[in-house]
Amino acid sequence: MKQIFLLLISVFLISSCSRRNYLPSEKMWDYEEFRNTQKSFKSTDGEIKFIDRGEGPVILLLHGVPSSGWLYRRMIDGLVDGGHRVIAPDMLGFGSSDSPNGYDIYSGENHATRLLALMEHLKIDSWSHVMHDAGGLWTWELLSKSPDKVDKLIILNSIIYEDGFHPPMRMKPGIFAKIAMWGYNNGITTKTLLNKLFDMGLNEDSLTKADVEGYKKPLLENKTKAMYYFFTQTCNALPEYSSVLQSLDVPTMVAWGLNDEMLQWSPQSKQVKKDLKIADKDVHLLDATHFIQEEKPEELNNLILKFLSRE
C-alpha cells in the first residue's frame, strides 16, 4: 500500500513539470482516421473493434497491455502489400472496443474465447499469428483450446514464462489498485504515466504527439478495467503454459527487442526454444526495447514475410 501511495505522489509531482518534446511527424498517423477504418464485432461480452485489410493468407496481429491494434499501425500496410489479409483487433477493454464492468470477464481464457469467436465470425479457419506482451497469454489460452487454428506463430516480446517476466507493478485487488488505475485516465497524470512507460519501452523516444494520441485517448475514455485485471491478477499469478507449448507443432519465429527490461529473453530462451522447437535461425534479437513495433516496423515486416513465405 505504501508503495502505491508513493507512486501516486511521485506521479502528481512529476506531472507538474514533465513535458514531452514531440518531434514533427514525416507521416501523420491520425488516430481518429484509424478508428474510422475499424470494423465491429458484437461478442457476447461487448463490441470488439478491429482492422481488416488486404487479401490473401491471413495474419492476425495481437497487442498486449496497455496498447491496442494501434501498436501495429506502421506494419499493417507493409504486410498487406506483401500479399496478406491483416486482422488487428482491439481486445475487449482496450483501444476502441467496449470496456464493460466485470473482473473475470478480462481473464486470458475469456479473451481467447472472444478472439476465436471473432475469427469464426470472419469465416477464417486458420491464420498466421503475431503476438506481443500479454497477447502471449491470450494466445496460449487460444492454442490450448484450438491448436489447429494457427498455421505459423510469430512471438514479439511476449509473456511466456515467469523467468524474464518483470512487470512495472504488481498490485492486490482493491481500492489502492483502483486509485492507481484512476491515474491513467486523469489527464495530465495520464501523460506522465505514458511518458514513463515509453521511457522504459523505447531505446529512443521519437513518438510524435499524433502517435501518443492512440495510446492516450482510450485511457482518457476510462479503458482501464482490463488493465486492472492484468495488474491485480495476471501479474500476481502468472499461468503456467509449459504443457501447452510442449504439445504444439507450429512453426515458430521469435523477434525480440533485446533491451527490454519488462520482458527479458535471456532467462527463458533455452526453455522456450526447447518447448516450441524453435530453430536458431528463427530467433532474431534486435536492437530494440519493449515496443518493438514502434522501433523496427520495417525490419519486423521483412522478417515476418520471409518466414511466412517458407514452405
Protein backbone atom coordinates (compact mmCIF):
# COMPACT_ATOMS: atom_id res chain seq x y z
CA MET A 1 0.00 0.00 0.00
CA LYS A 2 2.82 2.37 0.92
CA GLN A 3 4.43 1.78 -2.47
CA ILE A 4 1.23 2.69 -4.29
CA PHE A 5 0.84 5.93 -2.31
CA LEU A 6 4.46 6.86 -3.05
CA LEU A 7 3.90 6.06 -6.72
CA LEU A 8 0.85 8.29 -6.92
CA ILE A 9 2.55 11.13 -5.08
CA SER A 10 5.57 10.97 -7.37
CA VAL A 11 3.32 10.88 -10.44
CA PHE A 12 1.49 14.05 -9.42
CA LEU A 13 4.76 15.82 -8.60
CA ILE A 14 6.34 14.85 -11.89
CA SER A 15 3.23 15.74 -13.86
CA SER A 16 3.56 19.38 -12.89
CA CYS A 17 6.92 19.71 -14.61
CA SER A 18 7.07 16.86 -17.16
CA ARG A 19 6.89 17.94 -20.78
CA ARG A 20 7.41 15.78 -23.85
CA ASN A 21 9.28 17.32 -26.76
CA TYR A 22 7.30 15.94 -29.67
CA LEU A 23 9.08 15.57 -32.96
CA PRO A 24 7.37 16.62 -36.18
CA SER A 25 5.90 13.63 -37.97
CA GLU A 26 7.07 12.85 -41.50
CA LYS A 27 3.92 10.79 -41.96
CA MET A 28 0.93 11.52 -39.79
CA TRP A 29 -0.99 8.53 -38.43
CA ASP A 30 -4.22 10.09 -37.24
CA TYR A 31 -5.94 8.08 -34.52
CA GLU A 32 -9.45 9.19 -35.44
CA GLU A 33 -8.87 8.17 -39.05
CA PHE A 34 -7.52 4.83 -37.79
CA ARG A 35 -10.67 4.33 -35.72
CA ASN A 36 -12.87 5.22 -38.67
CA THR A 37 -11.35 2.34 -40.67
CA GLN A 38 -12.09 -0.22 -37.94
CA LYS A 39 -14.94 -2.70 -38.26
CA SER A 40 -17.12 -4.05 -35.44
CA PHE A 41 -17.92 -7.45 -33.99
CA LYS A 42 -20.53 -7.88 -31.28
CA SER A 43 -19.14 -10.51 -28.93
CA THR A 44 -21.22 -11.93 -26.09
CA ASP A 45 -19.38 -9.59 -23.71
CA GLY A 46 -19.25 -6.38 -25.73
CA GLU A 47 -18.31 -4.80 -29.04
CA ILE A 48 -14.84 -5.50 -30.39
CA LYS A 49 -13.28 -3.17 -32.96
CA PHE A 50 -10.75 -4.44 -35.48
CA ILE A 51 -8.80 -3.63 -38.63
CA ASP A 52 -9.44 -5.91 -41.61
CA ARG A 53 -7.38 -5.03 -44.67
CA GLY A 54 -5.97 -6.76 -47.72
CA GLU A 55 -6.40 -10.10 -49.45
CA GLY A 56 -4.54 -13.38 -49.27
CA PRO A 57 -3.30 -15.58 -46.42
CA VAL A 58 -4.41 -14.14 -43.09
CA ILE A 59 -2.11 -12.60 -40.47
CA LEU A 60 -3.59 -11.75 -37.08
CA LEU A 61 -1.76 -9.03 -35.11
CA LEU A 62 -2.41 -9.25 -31.38
CA HIS A 63 -1.47 -6.42 -29.00
CA GLY A 64 -0.91 -6.53 -25.22
CA VAL A 65 -1.29 -4.21 -22.21
CA PRO A 66 -1.95 -1.25 -22.33
CA SER A 67 -1.94 -0.95 -26.10
CA SER A 68 -4.34 -1.84 -28.94
CA GLY A 69 -4.29 -2.52 -32.67
CA TRP A 70 -2.83 0.99 -32.98
CA LEU A 71 0.52 -0.54 -31.95
CA TYR A 72 0.77 -2.16 -35.41
CA ARG A 73 -0.18 0.89 -37.49
CA ARG A 74 3.33 1.11 -39.03
CA MET A 75 3.27 -2.56 -40.02
CA ILE A 76 -0.21 -3.17 -41.41
CA ASP A 77 0.21 -1.61 -44.86
CA GLY A 78 3.55 -3.34 -45.44
CA LEU A 79 2.07 -6.75 -44.63
CA VAL A 80 -0.92 -6.03 -46.88
CA ASP A 81 1.45 -5.01 -49.69
CA GLY A 82 3.26 -8.30 -49.05
CA GLY A 83 0.14 -10.18 -50.15
CA HIS A 84 -1.70 -10.79 -46.89
CA ARG A 85 -5.04 -10.08 -45.32
CA VAL A 86 -4.34 -8.42 -41.95
CA ILE A 87 -6.64 -8.60 -38.91
CA ALA A 88 -5.68 -6.34 -35.98
CA PRO A 89 -8.25 -6.34 -33.16
CA ASP A 90 -8.60 -4.11 -30.13
CA MET A 91 -9.24 -6.70 -27.43
CA LEU A 92 -12.14 -6.10 -25.05
CA GLY A 93 -11.20 -3.32 -22.62
CA PHE A 94 -8.62 -1.76 -24.94
CA GLY A 95 -8.49 0.79 -27.76
CA SER A 96 -11.86 1.41 -29.41
CA SER A 97 -13.53 -1.72 -28.07
CA ASP A 98 -16.06 -1.76 -25.25
CA SER A 99 -14.89 -1.76 -21.63
CA PRO A 100 -17.74 -3.41 -19.71
CA ASN A 101 -17.88 -3.80 -15.96
CA GLY A 102 -16.60 -7.05 -14.53
CA TYR A 103 -13.40 -8.71 -13.40
CA ASP A 104 -13.09 -12.29 -14.70
CA ILE A 105 -14.54 -11.10 -17.99
CA TYR A 106 -10.96 -9.97 -18.72
CA SER A 107 -9.31 -13.32 -17.96
CA GLY A 108 -7.00 -14.85 -20.54
CA GLU A 109 -9.48 -17.62 -21.19
CA ASN A 110 -12.27 -15.17 -21.97
CA HIS A 111 -10.02 -13.04 -24.19
CA ALA A 112 -9.14 -16.19 -26.14
CA THR A 113 -12.77 -17.26 -26.45
CA ARG A 114 -13.74 -13.87 -27.87
CA LEU A 115 -10.81 -13.91 -30.30
CA LEU A 116 -11.85 -17.32 -31.62
CA ALA A 117 -15.41 -16.03 -31.97
CA LEU A 118 -14.16 -13.03 -33.98
CA MET A 119 -12.25 -15.26 -36.41
CA GLU A 120 -15.24 -17.58 -36.74
CA HIS A 121 -17.41 -14.53 -37.46
CA LEU A 122 -14.96 -13.60 -40.24
CA LYS A 123 -15.07 -17.19 -41.54
CA ILE A 124 -11.31 -17.55 -41.10
CA ASP A 125 -10.44 -21.18 -40.31
CA SER A 126 -6.69 -20.73 -39.76
CA TRP A 127 -4.11 -17.97 -39.81
CA SER A 128 -0.57 -16.85 -39.04
CA HIS A 129 -0.45 -15.34 -35.58
CA VAL A 130 1.69 -12.42 -34.37
CA MET A 131 1.57 -11.58 -30.66
CA HIS A 132 3.07 -9.09 -28.23
CA ASP A 133 3.20 -8.64 -24.45
CA ALA A 134 0.06 -10.02 -22.70
CA GLY A 135 -1.13 -11.10 -26.13
CA GLY A 136 1.14 -14.06 -25.49
CA LEU A 137 -1.01 -15.22 -22.58
CA TRP A 138 -4.19 -14.85 -24.60
CA THR A 139 -2.51 -16.80 -27.41
CA TRP A 140 -1.52 -19.72 -25.16
CA GLU A 141 -5.13 -19.89 -23.99
CA LEU A 142 -6.34 -19.85 -27.59
CA LEU A 143 -3.89 -22.59 -28.58
CA SER A 144 -4.93 -24.70 -25.59
CA LYS A 145 -8.48 -24.58 -26.94
CA SER A 146 -7.82 -24.76 -30.69
CA PRO A 147 -4.21 -25.63 -31.58
CA ASP A 148 -5.14 -26.27 -35.21
CA LYS A 149 -6.15 -22.65 -35.83
CA VAL A 150 -2.63 -21.21 -36.03
CA ASP A 151 -0.53 -22.12 -39.08
CA LYS A 152 2.58 -20.19 -38.03
CA LEU A 153 3.44 -18.32 -34.85
CA ILE A 154 5.48 -15.12 -34.51
CA ILE A 155 6.47 -14.08 -30.97
CA LEU A 156 7.35 -10.41 -30.33
CA ASN A 157 8.41 -9.64 -26.73
CA SER A 158 5.56 -11.66 -25.28
CA ILE A 159 4.78 -13.10 -21.88
CA ILE A 160 5.75 -16.77 -21.91
CA TYR A 161 7.29 -17.92 -18.62
CA GLU A 162 7.81 -16.35 -15.20
CA ASP A 163 11.55 -16.26 -15.88
CA GLY A 164 12.08 -12.99 -17.69
CA PHE A 165 8.72 -11.50 -16.67
CA HIS A 166 9.22 -8.22 -14.79
CA PRO A 167 6.00 -6.16 -14.91
CA PRO A 168 6.22 -2.47 -13.95
CA MET A 169 3.93 -3.14 -10.97
CA ARG A 170 2.06 -5.90 -9.16
CA MET A 171 -0.98 -4.97 -7.04
CA LYS A 172 -3.65 -6.62 -4.94
CA PRO A 173 -7.29 -6.11 -5.96
CA GLY A 174 -8.97 -3.31 -4.05
CA ILE A 175 -9.21 0.43 -3.53
CA PHE A 176 -5.49 1.20 -3.85
CA ALA A 177 -5.21 -0.59 -7.19
CA LYS A 178 -8.33 1.22 -8.39
CA ILE A 179 -6.79 4.55 -7.39
CA ALA A 180 -3.68 3.64 -9.37
CA MET A 181 -5.83 2.83 -12.43
CA TRP A 182 -7.66 6.14 -11.96
CA GLY A 183 -4.31 7.82 -12.51
CA TYR A 184 -4.28 6.50 -16.06
CA ASN A 185 -7.42 8.44 -17.03
CA ASN A 186 -6.67 11.64 -15.18
CA GLY A 187 -5.45 13.92 -17.96
CA ILE A 188 -2.02 15.30 -17.07
CA THR A 189 -1.25 12.24 -14.96
CA THR A 190 -2.05 10.01 -17.94
CA LYS A 191 0.58 11.83 -19.95
CA THR A 192 3.17 11.37 -17.21
CA LEU A 193 2.48 7.66 -16.83
CA LEU A 194 2.73 7.16 -20.58
CA ASN A 195 5.99 9.10 -20.61
CA LYS A 196 7.40 6.71 -18.03
CA LEU A 197 6.14 3.70 -19.97
CA PHE A 198 7.76 4.90 -23.19
CA ASP A 199 10.99 5.75 -21.36
CA MET A 200 11.12 2.10 -20.28
CA GLY A 201 9.84 0.66 -23.54
CA LEU A 202 11.79 2.53 -26.22
CA ASN A 203 15.52 2.90 -26.86
CA GLU A 204 14.88 6.42 -28.09
CA ASP A 205 11.50 8.05 -27.68
CA SER A 206 10.73 9.65 -31.02
CA LEU A 207 6.95 9.28 -30.86
CA THR A 208 5.01 12.24 -32.16
CA LYS A 209 2.02 13.85 -30.50
CA ALA A 210 -0.19 12.04 -33.03
CA ASP A 211 1.48 8.71 -32.18
CA VAL A 212 0.85 9.15 -28.46
CA GLU A 213 -2.80 10.08 -29.04
CA GLY A 214 -3.58 6.49 -29.99
CA TYR A 215 -2.28 5.28 -26.65
CA LYS A 216 -3.66 8.14 -24.56
CA LYS A 217 -7.23 8.52 -25.79
CA PRO A 218 -8.50 5.05 -24.75
CA LEU A 219 -7.13 5.65 -21.24
CA LEU A 220 -8.89 9.00 -21.04
CA GLU A 221 -12.06 7.12 -22.04
CA ASN A 222 -11.66 5.02 -18.88
CA LYS A 223 -10.42 1.89 -20.66
CA THR A 224 -8.64 0.60 -17.56
CA LYS A 225 -10.80 -2.33 -16.35
CA ALA A 226 -8.83 -4.89 -18.37
CA MET A 227 -5.59 -3.34 -17.09
CA TYR A 228 -6.89 -3.63 -13.54
CA TYR A 229 -7.36 -7.38 -14.01
CA PHE A 230 -3.89 -7.72 -15.54
CA PHE A 231 -2.03 -5.91 -12.76
CA THR A 232 -4.02 -7.40 -9.86
CA GLN A 233 -4.46 -10.96 -11.12
CA THR A 234 -2.20 -11.94 -14.01
CA CYS A 235 0.92 -10.26 -12.66
CA ASN A 236 0.49 -11.95 -9.28
CA ALA A 237 -0.33 -15.44 -10.53
CA LEU A 238 1.12 -15.96 -13.99
CA PRO A 239 -0.49 -19.05 -15.53
CA GLU A 240 1.79 -21.99 -16.37
CA TYR A 241 1.63 -22.92 -20.05
CA SER A 242 4.63 -25.23 -20.46
CA SER A 243 2.40 -28.20 -21.30
CA VAL A 244 0.63 -26.15 -23.98
CA LEU A 245 3.91 -25.06 -25.56
CA GLN A 246 5.35 -28.57 -25.48
CA SER A 247 2.28 -30.02 -27.18
CA LEU A 248 2.34 -27.61 -30.12
CA ASP A 249 3.58 -28.47 -33.58
CA VAL A 250 3.51 -25.00 -35.10
CA PRO A 251 6.43 -23.40 -36.98
CA THR A 252 7.54 -20.53 -34.75
CA MET A 253 9.68 -17.43 -35.17
CA VAL A 254 10.90 -15.08 -32.44
CA ALA A 255 11.77 -11.40 -32.95
CA TRP A 256 12.70 -9.84 -29.62
CA GLY A 257 13.83 -6.40 -28.54
CA LEU A 258 16.98 -7.31 -26.65
CA ASN A 259 16.92 -4.23 -24.40
CA ASP A 260 13.50 -4.96 -22.92
CA GLU A 261 13.61 -4.80 -19.11
CA MET A 262 9.97 -5.79 -18.64
CA LEU A 263 10.12 -8.94 -20.76
CA GLN A 264 13.61 -10.42 -20.95
CA TRP A 265 14.54 -13.07 -23.48
CA SER A 266 17.75 -14.45 -21.99
CA PRO A 267 16.39 -16.03 -18.76
CA GLN A 268 13.79 -18.08 -20.64
CA SER A 269 15.37 -18.51 -24.07
CA LYS A 270 16.60 -22.10 -23.70
CA GLN A 271 13.29 -23.32 -22.29
CA VAL A 272 11.19 -21.53 -24.89
CA LYS A 273 13.32 -22.75 -27.80
CA LYS A 274 13.18 -26.30 -26.47
CA ASP A 275 9.46 -26.35 -25.72
CA LEU A 276 8.39 -24.75 -29.01
CA LYS A 277 11.11 -26.50 -31.03
CA ILE A 278 12.41 -23.20 -32.47
CA ALA A 279 15.48 -23.34 -34.72
CA ASP A 280 18.30 -20.88 -34.03
CA LYS A 281 17.82 -19.35 -37.48
CA ASP A 282 14.28 -18.35 -36.45
CA VAL A 283 15.36 -16.34 -33.39
CA HIS A 284 16.09 -12.69 -34.18
CA LEU A 285 17.37 -10.47 -31.38
CA LEU A 286 17.01 -6.82 -32.37
CA ASP A 287 18.49 -3.61 -31.00
CA ALA A 288 15.14 -2.52 -29.62
CA THR A 289 13.24 -2.42 -26.35
CA HIS A 290 9.67 -3.43 -25.46
CA PHE A 291 7.65 -1.62 -28.13
CA ILE A 292 9.50 -3.29 -30.96
CA GLN A 293 6.71 -2.41 -33.43
CA GLU A 294 7.44 1.28 -32.88
CA GLU A 295 11.21 0.92 -33.28
CA LYS A 296 11.64 -1.71 -36.01
CA PRO A 297 8.43 -1.92 -38.07
CA GLU A 298 10.06 -2.42 -41.49
CA GLU A 299 12.59 -4.93 -40.18
CA LEU A 300 9.82 -6.88 -38.47
CA ASN A 301 7.73 -6.92 -41.65
CA ASN A 302 10.69 -8.23 -43.65
CA LEU A 303 11.35 -10.98 -41.10
CA ILE A 304 7.68 -11.94 -40.89
CA LEU A 305 7.13 -12.02 -44.67
CA LYS A 306 10.29 -14.04 -45.22
CA PHE A 307 9.29 -16.52 -42.51
CA LEU A 308 5.76 -16.90 -43.85
CA SER A 309 6.98 -17.46 -47.42
CA ARG A 310 8.95 -20.54 -46.42
CA GLU A 311 7.42 -23.93 -47.08
